[in-house]
């Protein structure tokens, strides 16, 4: 069971992520937004869309959408902010398939970004910018994830941070820094 503070933190993080995904600002997400994000990340790293890493990334986002789209009560192919947040809050209370899919997606993102085992700050900051975070926030997120201060973030640390972002109610979890500063945290 989530604490009141944990629910508040998770909701703030999920609202932030929803805002970044809802690029047209219509208050709904569809498969197109997730696919556009995947294609934008691939393009941002000069990876052709037919390259195996780009295909894997698009498939990873499509699998996440497949799970989230089950919340589409009216069959219009879209989910609302409330449905998105509620799905992830349920996942935080009982981690399962969505957390596994996010980990897979994070690994696919890392592969497109050329992180073969480790992220260096420039690639990480570029990835964060492609995901909607300001470059300064990307650098701050890298610093939070680089817990051993060796100038690298392993793909495993990155994947853990992705899962933490979506499921952790710990206010000091490094993954909270992904996708920019969360207010009021």
N, C-alpha and C. Protein backbone atom coordinates (compact mmCIF):
# COMPACT_ATOMS: atom_id res chain seq x y z
N UNK A 1 0.84 -1.18 0.00
CA UNK A 1 0.00 0.00 0.00
C UNK A 1 0.89 1.25 0.00
N UNK A 2 0.61 2.17 -0.89
CA UNK A 2 1.38 3.40 -0.98
C UNK A 2 1.02 4.33 0.18
N UNK A 3 2.03 5.02 0.67
CA UNK A 3 1.78 6.06 1.67
C UNK A 3 1.19 7.28 0.96
N UNK A 4 0.62 8.18 1.73
CA UNK A 4 0.07 9.41 1.16
C UNK A 4 1.17 10.20 0.46
N UNK A 5 2.32 10.34 1.11
CA UNK A 5 3.45 11.06 0.50
C UNK A 5 3.97 10.33 -0.73
N UNK A 6 4.04 9.01 -0.64
CA UNK A 6 4.50 8.22 -1.79
C UNK A 6 3.57 8.37 -2.98
N UNK A 7 2.27 8.35 -2.72
CA UNK A 7 1.29 8.53 -3.79
C UNK A 7 1.43 9.92 -4.41
N UNK A 8 1.67 10.92 -3.55
CA UNK A 8 1.83 12.29 -4.05
C UNK A 8 3.07 12.41 -4.93
N UNK A 9 4.17 11.83 -4.50
CA UNK A 9 5.41 11.86 -5.29
C UNK A 9 5.22 11.13 -6.62
N UNK A 10 4.68 9.93 -6.56
CA UNK A 10 4.47 9.17 -7.79
C UNK A 10 3.54 9.91 -8.75
N UNK A 11 2.49 10.49 -8.23
CA UNK A 11 1.57 11.23 -9.09
C UNK A 11 2.27 12.40 -9.75
N UNK A 12 3.12 13.10 -8.99
CA UNK A 12 3.87 14.23 -9.58
C UNK A 12 4.80 13.74 -10.69
N UNK A 13 5.48 12.62 -10.47
CA UNK A 13 6.37 12.08 -11.50
C UNK A 13 5.57 11.64 -12.72
N UNK A 14 4.47 10.97 -12.50
CA UNK A 14 3.66 10.46 -13.61
C UNK A 14 3.01 11.60 -14.38
N UNK A 15 2.59 12.64 -13.67
CA UNK A 15 2.06 13.82 -14.36
C UNK A 15 3.13 14.44 -15.26
N UNK A 16 4.35 14.53 -14.74
CA UNK A 16 5.45 15.10 -15.53
C UNK A 16 5.68 14.26 -16.80
N UNK A 17 5.73 12.95 -16.63
CA UNK A 17 5.97 12.09 -17.79
C UNK A 17 4.81 12.18 -18.78
N UNK A 18 3.59 12.21 -18.28
CA UNK A 18 2.44 12.35 -19.17
C UNK A 18 2.55 13.63 -19.98
N UNK A 19 2.90 14.73 -19.31
CA UNK A 19 3.04 16.01 -20.02
C UNK A 19 4.06 15.93 -21.14
N UNK A 20 5.17 15.22 -20.89
CA UNK A 20 6.20 15.09 -21.92
C UNK A 20 5.74 14.20 -23.07
N UNK A 21 4.94 13.21 -22.77
CA UNK A 21 4.46 12.31 -23.82
C UNK A 21 3.32 12.91 -24.63
N UNK A 22 2.50 13.72 -23.98
CA UNK A 22 1.33 14.32 -24.64
C UNK A 22 1.77 15.56 -25.41
N UNK A 23 2.50 15.34 -26.50
CA UNK A 23 3.11 16.45 -27.21
C UNK A 23 2.09 17.38 -27.87
N UNK A 24 0.92 16.87 -28.20
CA UNK A 24 -0.08 17.76 -28.80
C UNK A 24 -0.96 18.44 -27.75
N UNK A 25 -0.76 18.08 -26.47
CA UNK A 25 -1.45 18.76 -25.38
C UNK A 25 -2.95 18.53 -25.33
N UNK A 26 -3.42 17.42 -25.91
CA UNK A 26 -4.87 17.18 -25.92
C UNK A 26 -5.38 16.44 -24.68
N UNK A 27 -4.46 16.12 -23.75
CA UNK A 27 -4.87 15.45 -22.52
C UNK A 27 -5.05 13.95 -22.66
N UNK A 28 -4.61 13.40 -23.78
CA UNK A 28 -4.72 11.96 -24.02
C UNK A 28 -3.43 11.44 -24.65
N UNK A 29 -3.18 10.16 -24.43
CA UNK A 29 -2.06 9.49 -25.08
C UNK A 29 -2.59 8.40 -25.99
N UNK A 30 -1.89 8.23 -27.09
CA UNK A 30 -2.20 7.14 -28.02
C UNK A 30 -0.92 6.46 -28.46
N UNK A 31 -1.07 5.41 -29.21
CA UNK A 31 0.08 4.66 -29.70
C UNK A 31 1.02 5.56 -30.49
N UNK A 32 0.47 6.51 -31.22
CA UNK A 32 1.28 7.40 -32.07
C UNK A 32 2.30 8.19 -31.24
N UNK A 33 1.88 8.69 -30.08
CA UNK A 33 2.83 9.47 -29.26
C UNK A 33 4.01 8.63 -28.81
N UNK A 34 3.75 7.40 -28.42
CA UNK A 34 4.87 6.55 -27.98
C UNK A 34 5.76 6.17 -29.15
N UNK A 35 5.15 5.90 -30.30
CA UNK A 35 5.96 5.58 -31.47
C UNK A 35 6.76 6.79 -31.93
N UNK A 36 6.15 7.96 -31.89
CA UNK A 36 6.87 9.19 -32.24
C UNK A 36 8.07 9.41 -31.32
N UNK A 37 7.88 9.12 -30.03
CA UNK A 37 9.00 9.26 -29.08
C UNK A 37 10.13 8.31 -29.48
N UNK A 38 9.79 7.06 -29.74
CA UNK A 38 10.81 6.08 -30.13
C UNK A 38 11.54 6.51 -31.40
N UNK A 39 10.77 6.96 -32.39
CA UNK A 39 11.40 7.40 -33.65
C UNK A 39 12.26 8.65 -33.43
N UNK A 40 11.82 9.55 -32.55
CA UNK A 40 12.59 10.75 -32.24
C UNK A 40 13.91 10.44 -31.56
N UNK A 41 13.87 9.46 -30.65
CA UNK A 41 15.11 9.05 -29.98
C UNK A 41 16.07 8.44 -31.00
N UNK A 42 15.55 7.56 -31.85
CA UNK A 42 16.41 6.95 -32.89
C UNK A 42 17.01 8.03 -33.79
N UNK A 43 16.17 8.95 -34.26
CA UNK A 43 16.65 10.02 -35.13
C UNK A 43 17.67 10.90 -34.41
N UNK A 44 17.45 11.15 -33.13
CA UNK A 44 18.35 11.99 -32.36
C UNK A 44 19.74 11.39 -32.19
N UNK A 45 19.83 10.09 -32.36
CA UNK A 45 21.12 9.40 -32.29
C UNK A 45 21.56 8.90 -33.67
N UNK A 46 20.92 9.44 -34.71
CA UNK A 46 21.26 9.09 -36.09
C UNK A 46 21.18 7.59 -36.37
N UNK A 47 20.19 6.94 -35.76
CA UNK A 47 19.98 5.52 -35.99
C UNK A 47 18.83 5.36 -36.97
N UNK A 48 19.07 4.72 -38.11
CA UNK A 48 17.98 4.52 -39.09
C UNK A 48 16.83 3.74 -38.47
N UNK A 49 15.61 4.08 -38.87
CA UNK A 49 14.43 3.44 -38.28
C UNK A 49 14.35 1.94 -38.58
N UNK A 50 15.05 1.49 -39.61
CA UNK A 50 15.03 0.05 -39.91
C UNK A 50 16.20 -0.69 -39.25
N UNK A 51 17.03 0.02 -38.50
CA UNK A 51 18.13 -0.64 -37.78
C UNK A 51 17.54 -1.51 -36.66
N UNK A 52 18.17 -2.63 -36.37
CA UNK A 52 17.62 -3.53 -35.35
C UNK A 52 17.39 -2.85 -33.99
N UNK A 53 18.27 -1.93 -33.60
CA UNK A 53 18.07 -1.27 -32.31
C UNK A 53 16.85 -0.35 -32.33
N UNK A 54 16.63 0.34 -33.44
CA UNK A 54 15.45 1.22 -33.55
C UNK A 54 14.17 0.39 -33.61
N UNK A 55 14.20 -0.71 -34.32
CA UNK A 55 13.03 -1.59 -34.39
C UNK A 55 12.72 -2.13 -32.99
N UNK A 56 13.74 -2.54 -32.26
CA UNK A 56 13.53 -3.06 -30.90
C UNK A 56 12.96 -1.98 -29.98
N UNK A 57 13.42 -0.75 -30.14
CA UNK A 57 12.90 0.35 -29.32
C UNK A 57 11.43 0.60 -29.62
N UNK A 58 11.10 0.67 -30.90
CA UNK A 58 9.69 0.89 -31.27
C UNK A 58 8.82 -0.26 -30.77
N UNK A 59 9.33 -1.48 -30.83
CA UNK A 59 8.56 -2.62 -30.33
C UNK A 59 8.39 -2.55 -28.81
N UNK A 60 9.42 -2.09 -28.11
CA UNK A 60 9.32 -1.97 -26.65
C UNK A 60 8.25 -0.96 -26.27
N UNK A 61 8.24 0.18 -26.93
CA UNK A 61 7.19 1.17 -26.65
C UNK A 61 5.81 0.64 -27.07
N UNK A 62 5.76 -0.12 -28.15
CA UNK A 62 4.47 -0.69 -28.59
C UNK A 62 3.94 -1.68 -27.56
N UNK A 63 4.83 -2.46 -26.92
CA UNK A 63 4.38 -3.39 -25.88
C UNK A 63 3.85 -2.64 -24.66
N UNK A 64 4.51 -1.54 -24.30
CA UNK A 64 3.99 -0.73 -23.20
C UNK A 64 2.61 -0.19 -23.56
N UNK A 65 2.49 0.32 -24.80
CA UNK A 65 1.19 0.84 -25.22
C UNK A 65 0.13 -0.27 -25.21
N UNK A 66 0.50 -1.47 -25.62
CA UNK A 66 -0.45 -2.57 -25.63
C UNK A 66 -1.04 -2.80 -24.25
N UNK A 67 -0.21 -2.71 -23.23
CA UNK A 67 -0.71 -2.86 -21.85
C UNK A 67 -1.54 -1.66 -21.42
N UNK A 68 -1.02 -0.45 -21.68
CA UNK A 68 -1.75 0.75 -21.27
C UNK A 68 -3.07 0.90 -22.01
N UNK A 69 -3.11 0.48 -23.26
CA UNK A 69 -4.32 0.67 -24.06
C UNK A 69 -5.50 -0.14 -23.55
N UNK A 70 -5.24 -1.11 -22.70
CA UNK A 70 -6.34 -1.87 -22.12
C UNK A 70 -7.20 -0.99 -21.21
N UNK A 71 -6.69 0.19 -20.87
CA UNK A 71 -7.45 1.14 -20.05
C UNK A 71 -8.40 1.98 -20.87
N UNK A 72 -8.31 1.86 -22.18
CA UNK A 72 -9.14 2.66 -23.09
C UNK A 72 -10.58 2.19 -23.01
N UNK A 73 -11.33 2.80 -22.11
CA UNK A 73 -12.71 2.37 -21.83
C UNK A 73 -13.66 2.61 -22.99
N UNK A 74 -13.46 3.67 -23.76
CA UNK A 74 -14.42 3.99 -24.82
C UNK A 74 -13.98 3.56 -26.22
N UNK A 75 -12.82 2.89 -26.31
CA UNK A 75 -12.38 2.34 -27.58
C UNK A 75 -11.91 3.35 -28.60
N UNK A 76 -11.55 4.57 -28.16
CA UNK A 76 -11.12 5.59 -29.11
C UNK A 76 -9.61 5.54 -29.39
N UNK A 77 -8.92 4.56 -28.80
CA UNK A 77 -7.49 4.42 -29.03
C UNK A 77 -6.64 5.36 -28.21
N UNK A 78 -7.23 5.98 -27.19
CA UNK A 78 -6.53 6.95 -26.35
C UNK A 78 -6.77 6.64 -24.87
N UNK A 79 -5.82 7.07 -24.03
CA UNK A 79 -6.05 7.01 -22.59
C UNK A 79 -5.83 8.41 -22.01
N UNK A 80 -6.55 8.70 -20.97
CA UNK A 80 -6.45 10.01 -20.33
C UNK A 80 -5.30 10.04 -19.32
N UNK A 81 -5.00 11.24 -18.86
CA UNK A 81 -4.00 11.40 -17.81
C UNK A 81 -4.38 10.57 -16.59
N UNK A 82 -5.64 10.65 -16.17
CA UNK A 82 -6.08 9.90 -14.99
C UNK A 82 -5.90 8.41 -15.16
N UNK A 83 -6.22 7.90 -16.33
CA UNK A 83 -6.05 6.47 -16.58
C UNK A 83 -4.57 6.08 -16.56
N UNK A 84 -3.74 6.93 -17.14
CA UNK A 84 -2.29 6.68 -17.17
C UNK A 84 -1.73 6.66 -15.75
N UNK A 85 -2.05 7.68 -14.97
CA UNK A 85 -1.55 7.76 -13.59
C UNK A 85 -2.07 6.59 -12.77
N UNK A 86 -3.34 6.28 -12.87
CA UNK A 86 -3.91 5.18 -12.10
C UNK A 86 -3.25 3.85 -12.43
N UNK A 87 -2.95 3.62 -13.71
CA UNK A 87 -2.30 2.37 -14.10
C UNK A 87 -0.94 2.24 -13.43
N UNK A 88 -0.17 3.31 -13.43
CA UNK A 88 1.16 3.25 -12.84
C UNK A 88 1.11 3.21 -11.32
N UNK A 89 0.12 3.84 -10.71
CA UNK A 89 -0.03 3.74 -9.25
C UNK A 89 -0.34 2.30 -8.85
N UNK A 90 -1.18 1.64 -9.63
CA UNK A 90 -1.46 0.22 -9.36
C UNK A 90 -0.19 -0.61 -9.53
N UNK A 91 0.60 -0.27 -10.54
CA UNK A 91 1.85 -0.99 -10.78
C UNK A 91 2.83 -0.79 -9.61
N UNK A 92 2.85 0.41 -9.06
CA UNK A 92 3.75 0.70 -7.93
C UNK A 92 3.34 -0.12 -6.70
N UNK A 93 2.06 -0.34 -6.54
CA UNK A 93 1.59 -1.13 -5.41
C UNK A 93 1.86 -2.61 -5.59
N UNK A 94 1.87 -3.06 -6.82
CA UNK A 94 2.09 -4.47 -7.13
C UNK A 94 2.87 -4.59 -8.43
N UNK A 95 4.20 -4.37 -8.36
CA UNK A 95 4.99 -4.39 -9.59
C UNK A 95 4.83 -5.70 -10.35
N UNK A 96 4.74 -5.56 -11.65
CA UNK A 96 4.56 -6.74 -12.49
C UNK A 96 4.98 -6.45 -13.90
N UNK A 97 4.06 -6.69 -14.82
CA UNK A 97 4.37 -6.63 -16.24
C UNK A 97 4.82 -5.25 -16.70
N UNK A 98 4.15 -4.18 -16.27
CA UNK A 98 4.56 -2.85 -16.74
C UNK A 98 5.99 -2.53 -16.31
N UNK A 99 6.36 -2.86 -15.09
CA UNK A 99 7.74 -2.61 -14.63
C UNK A 99 8.73 -3.39 -15.48
N UNK A 100 8.40 -4.63 -15.82
CA UNK A 100 9.28 -5.43 -16.68
C UNK A 100 9.38 -4.81 -18.07
N UNK A 101 8.26 -4.32 -18.59
CA UNK A 101 8.27 -3.70 -19.91
C UNK A 101 9.08 -2.41 -19.91
N UNK A 102 9.01 -1.64 -18.82
CA UNK A 102 9.79 -0.41 -18.73
C UNK A 102 11.28 -0.73 -18.69
N UNK A 103 11.65 -1.78 -17.97
CA UNK A 103 13.06 -2.18 -17.93
C UNK A 103 13.54 -2.56 -19.34
N UNK A 104 12.75 -3.33 -20.05
CA UNK A 104 13.09 -3.71 -21.42
C UNK A 104 13.20 -2.49 -22.30
N UNK A 105 12.28 -1.56 -22.14
CA UNK A 105 12.30 -0.33 -22.93
C UNK A 105 13.56 0.49 -22.63
N UNK A 106 13.92 0.60 -21.36
CA UNK A 106 15.13 1.34 -20.98
C UNK A 106 16.36 0.72 -21.62
N UNK A 107 16.42 -0.59 -21.64
CA UNK A 107 17.56 -1.26 -22.27
C UNK A 107 17.58 -1.01 -23.78
N UNK A 108 16.40 -0.95 -24.40
CA UNK A 108 16.31 -0.66 -25.83
C UNK A 108 16.71 0.80 -26.10
N UNK A 109 16.31 1.71 -25.24
CA UNK A 109 16.71 3.11 -25.36
C UNK A 109 18.24 3.21 -25.28
N UNK A 110 18.82 2.52 -24.33
CA UNK A 110 20.28 2.55 -24.17
C UNK A 110 20.98 2.02 -25.42
N UNK A 111 20.44 0.98 -26.01
CA UNK A 111 21.05 0.42 -27.22
C UNK A 111 21.01 1.42 -28.36
N UNK A 112 19.89 2.11 -28.52
CA UNK A 112 19.79 3.13 -29.58
C UNK A 112 20.77 4.27 -29.31
N UNK A 113 20.93 4.61 -28.04
CA UNK A 113 21.84 5.71 -27.68
C UNK A 113 23.31 5.30 -27.77
N UNK A 114 23.55 4.04 -28.10
CA UNK A 114 24.93 3.58 -28.25
C UNK A 114 25.61 3.24 -26.95
N UNK A 115 24.83 3.10 -25.89
CA UNK A 115 25.41 2.77 -24.58
C UNK A 115 25.60 1.26 -24.52
N UNK A 116 26.79 0.83 -24.85
CA UNK A 116 27.09 -0.60 -24.82
C UNK A 116 27.69 -0.93 -23.47
N UNK A 117 26.84 -0.95 -22.47
CA UNK A 117 27.29 -1.23 -21.11
C UNK A 117 27.25 0.00 -20.23
N UNK A 118 27.59 1.16 -20.78
CA UNK A 118 27.63 2.39 -19.98
C UNK A 118 27.18 3.59 -20.79
N UNK A 119 26.57 4.54 -20.09
CA UNK A 119 26.24 5.85 -20.64
C UNK A 119 27.31 6.82 -20.19
N UNK A 120 27.77 7.65 -21.09
CA UNK A 120 28.59 8.79 -20.72
C UNK A 120 27.67 10.01 -20.72
N UNK A 121 28.07 11.04 -20.02
CA UNK A 121 27.18 12.18 -19.82
C UNK A 121 26.64 12.80 -21.11
N UNK A 122 27.45 13.05 -22.14
CA UNK A 122 26.88 13.69 -23.34
C UNK A 122 25.72 12.91 -23.96
N UNK A 123 25.87 11.60 -24.08
CA UNK A 123 24.80 10.78 -24.66
C UNK A 123 23.58 10.77 -23.74
N UNK A 124 23.81 10.70 -22.46
CA UNK A 124 22.71 10.69 -21.50
C UNK A 124 21.94 12.01 -21.55
N UNK A 125 22.66 13.13 -21.58
CA UNK A 125 22.01 14.44 -21.62
C UNK A 125 21.22 14.59 -22.94
N UNK A 126 21.79 14.12 -24.04
CA UNK A 126 21.08 14.17 -25.32
C UNK A 126 19.79 13.34 -25.23
N UNK A 127 19.89 12.15 -24.66
CA UNK A 127 18.71 11.30 -24.51
C UNK A 127 17.64 12.01 -23.67
N UNK A 128 18.04 12.62 -22.58
CA UNK A 128 17.08 13.31 -21.72
C UNK A 128 16.42 14.47 -22.47
N UNK A 129 17.20 15.18 -23.27
CA UNK A 129 16.63 16.27 -24.07
C UNK A 129 15.63 15.74 -25.09
N UNK A 130 15.96 14.62 -25.71
CA UNK A 130 15.05 14.00 -26.68
C UNK A 130 13.76 13.52 -26.00
N UNK A 131 13.85 13.26 -24.70
CA UNK A 131 12.69 12.82 -23.92
C UNK A 131 11.93 13.99 -23.32
N UNK A 132 12.42 15.22 -23.55
CA UNK A 132 11.71 16.41 -23.11
C UNK A 132 12.32 17.16 -21.95
N UNK A 133 13.38 16.65 -21.36
CA UNK A 133 14.02 17.34 -20.24
C UNK A 133 14.97 18.42 -20.74
N UNK A 134 15.09 19.48 -20.00
CA UNK A 134 16.05 20.54 -20.32
C UNK A 134 17.47 19.97 -20.14
N UNK A 135 18.43 20.38 -20.98
CA UNK A 135 19.79 19.84 -20.85
C UNK A 135 20.39 19.98 -19.44
N UNK A 136 20.10 21.07 -18.76
CA UNK A 136 20.60 21.21 -17.39
C UNK A 136 20.02 20.13 -16.48
N UNK A 137 18.76 19.81 -16.71
CA UNK A 137 18.12 18.77 -15.91
C UNK A 137 18.68 17.40 -16.27
N UNK A 138 19.03 17.21 -17.54
CA UNK A 138 19.65 15.96 -17.95
C UNK A 138 21.00 15.77 -17.27
N UNK A 139 21.78 16.84 -17.18
CA UNK A 139 23.07 16.77 -16.49
C UNK A 139 22.88 16.48 -15.01
N UNK A 140 21.88 17.09 -14.40
CA UNK A 140 21.59 16.85 -12.98
C UNK A 140 21.15 15.40 -12.77
N UNK A 141 20.34 14.88 -13.68
CA UNK A 141 19.90 13.48 -13.57
C UNK A 141 21.09 12.54 -13.70
N UNK A 142 22.01 12.85 -14.64
CA UNK A 142 23.20 12.02 -14.79
C UNK A 142 24.00 11.99 -13.49
N UNK A 143 24.17 13.15 -12.89
CA UNK A 143 24.93 13.22 -11.63
C UNK A 143 24.27 12.38 -10.53
N UNK A 144 22.94 12.38 -10.49
CA UNK A 144 22.23 11.58 -9.48
C UNK A 144 22.40 10.09 -9.74
N UNK A 145 22.40 9.71 -11.02
CA UNK A 145 22.51 8.29 -11.34
C UNK A 145 23.94 7.77 -11.26
N UNK A 146 24.92 8.65 -11.45
CA UNK A 146 26.33 8.27 -11.38
C UNK A 146 26.75 8.20 -9.91
N UNK A 147 26.24 7.20 -9.22
CA UNK A 147 26.42 7.11 -7.77
C UNK A 147 27.86 6.85 -7.35
N UNK A 148 28.67 6.26 -8.22
CA UNK A 148 30.07 6.03 -7.85
C UNK A 148 31.01 7.09 -8.43
N UNK A 149 30.44 8.09 -9.08
CA UNK A 149 31.18 9.27 -9.59
C UNK A 149 32.33 8.90 -10.52
N UNK A 150 32.09 7.88 -11.36
CA UNK A 150 33.13 7.49 -12.31
C UNK A 150 32.90 8.06 -13.71
N UNK A 151 31.90 8.92 -13.84
CA UNK A 151 31.61 9.54 -15.13
C UNK A 151 30.80 8.68 -16.07
N UNK A 152 30.26 7.58 -15.54
CA UNK A 152 29.46 6.66 -16.34
C UNK A 152 28.23 6.22 -15.55
N UNK A 153 27.19 5.91 -16.29
CA UNK A 153 26.00 5.27 -15.72
C UNK A 153 25.81 3.98 -16.50
N UNK A 154 25.82 2.87 -15.79
CA UNK A 154 25.66 1.59 -16.49
C UNK A 154 24.23 1.47 -17.02
N UNK A 155 24.08 0.62 -18.02
CA UNK A 155 22.74 0.37 -18.56
C UNK A 155 21.85 -0.21 -17.46
N UNK A 156 22.42 -1.05 -16.60
CA UNK A 156 21.64 -1.62 -15.49
C UNK A 156 21.17 -0.52 -14.54
N UNK A 157 22.06 0.44 -14.21
CA UNK A 157 21.65 1.56 -13.35
C UNK A 157 20.56 2.38 -14.04
N UNK A 158 20.70 2.60 -15.32
CA UNK A 158 19.71 3.36 -16.08
C UNK A 158 18.36 2.64 -16.07
N UNK A 159 18.37 1.34 -16.31
CA UNK A 159 17.13 0.57 -16.31
C UNK A 159 16.49 0.58 -14.92
N UNK A 160 17.30 0.44 -13.88
CA UNK A 160 16.78 0.52 -12.51
C UNK A 160 16.15 1.89 -12.26
N UNK A 161 16.80 2.94 -12.73
CA UNK A 161 16.28 4.30 -12.55
C UNK A 161 14.95 4.48 -13.26
N UNK A 162 14.84 3.92 -14.46
CA UNK A 162 13.57 3.98 -15.22
C UNK A 162 12.44 3.34 -14.41
N UNK A 163 12.71 2.15 -13.88
CA UNK A 163 11.69 1.46 -13.09
C UNK A 163 11.37 2.27 -11.84
N UNK A 164 12.42 2.79 -11.17
CA UNK A 164 12.20 3.63 -9.98
C UNK A 164 11.32 4.83 -10.29
N UNK A 165 11.56 5.46 -11.43
CA UNK A 165 10.77 6.63 -11.78
C UNK A 165 9.29 6.30 -11.76
N UNK A 166 8.94 5.17 -12.32
CA UNK A 166 7.53 4.80 -12.46
C UNK A 166 6.93 4.12 -11.24
N UNK A 167 7.78 3.59 -10.36
CA UNK A 167 7.21 2.77 -9.28
C UNK A 167 7.66 3.12 -7.87
N UNK A 168 8.74 3.88 -7.72
CA UNK A 168 9.29 4.12 -6.38
C UNK A 168 8.64 5.31 -5.69
N UNK A 169 8.29 5.11 -4.44
CA UNK A 169 7.77 6.22 -3.64
C UNK A 169 8.86 6.81 -2.75
N UNK A 170 10.10 6.37 -2.95
CA UNK A 170 11.23 6.89 -2.19
C UNK A 170 11.62 8.26 -2.75
N UNK A 171 11.52 9.32 -1.95
CA UNK A 171 11.82 10.66 -2.48
C UNK A 171 13.28 10.87 -2.86
N UNK A 172 14.18 9.99 -2.44
CA UNK A 172 15.60 10.15 -2.78
C UNK A 172 16.06 9.17 -3.86
N UNK A 173 15.14 8.41 -4.44
CA UNK A 173 15.52 7.46 -5.49
C UNK A 173 16.14 8.21 -6.67
N UNK A 174 17.30 7.77 -7.15
CA UNK A 174 17.95 8.47 -8.26
C UNK A 174 17.07 8.60 -9.50
N UNK A 175 16.23 7.62 -9.76
CA UNK A 175 15.38 7.64 -10.93
C UNK A 175 14.38 8.79 -10.94
N UNK A 176 14.13 9.38 -9.79
CA UNK A 176 13.20 10.52 -9.74
C UNK A 176 13.68 11.68 -10.60
N UNK A 177 14.97 11.74 -10.86
CA UNK A 177 15.53 12.86 -11.64
C UNK A 177 15.34 12.70 -13.14
N UNK A 178 14.94 11.52 -13.60
CA UNK A 178 14.70 11.34 -15.02
C UNK A 178 13.57 12.26 -15.47
N UNK A 179 13.68 12.78 -16.66
CA UNK A 179 12.64 13.61 -17.29
C UNK A 179 12.49 14.98 -16.63
N UNK A 180 13.48 15.41 -15.87
CA UNK A 180 13.44 16.76 -15.31
C UNK A 180 12.98 16.83 -13.88
N UNK A 181 13.08 18.02 -13.35
CA UNK A 181 12.74 18.28 -11.95
C UNK A 181 11.25 18.08 -11.71
N UNK A 182 10.94 17.40 -10.62
CA UNK A 182 9.56 17.16 -10.23
C UNK A 182 9.21 18.14 -9.11
N UNK A 183 8.19 18.90 -9.30
CA UNK A 183 7.73 19.83 -8.27
C UNK A 183 6.76 19.12 -7.36
N UNK A 184 6.77 19.32 -6.09
CA UNK A 184 7.60 20.22 -5.31
C UNK A 184 8.87 19.58 -4.81
N UNK A 185 9.28 18.47 -5.39
CA UNK A 185 10.44 17.72 -4.91
C UNK A 185 11.66 18.38 -5.38
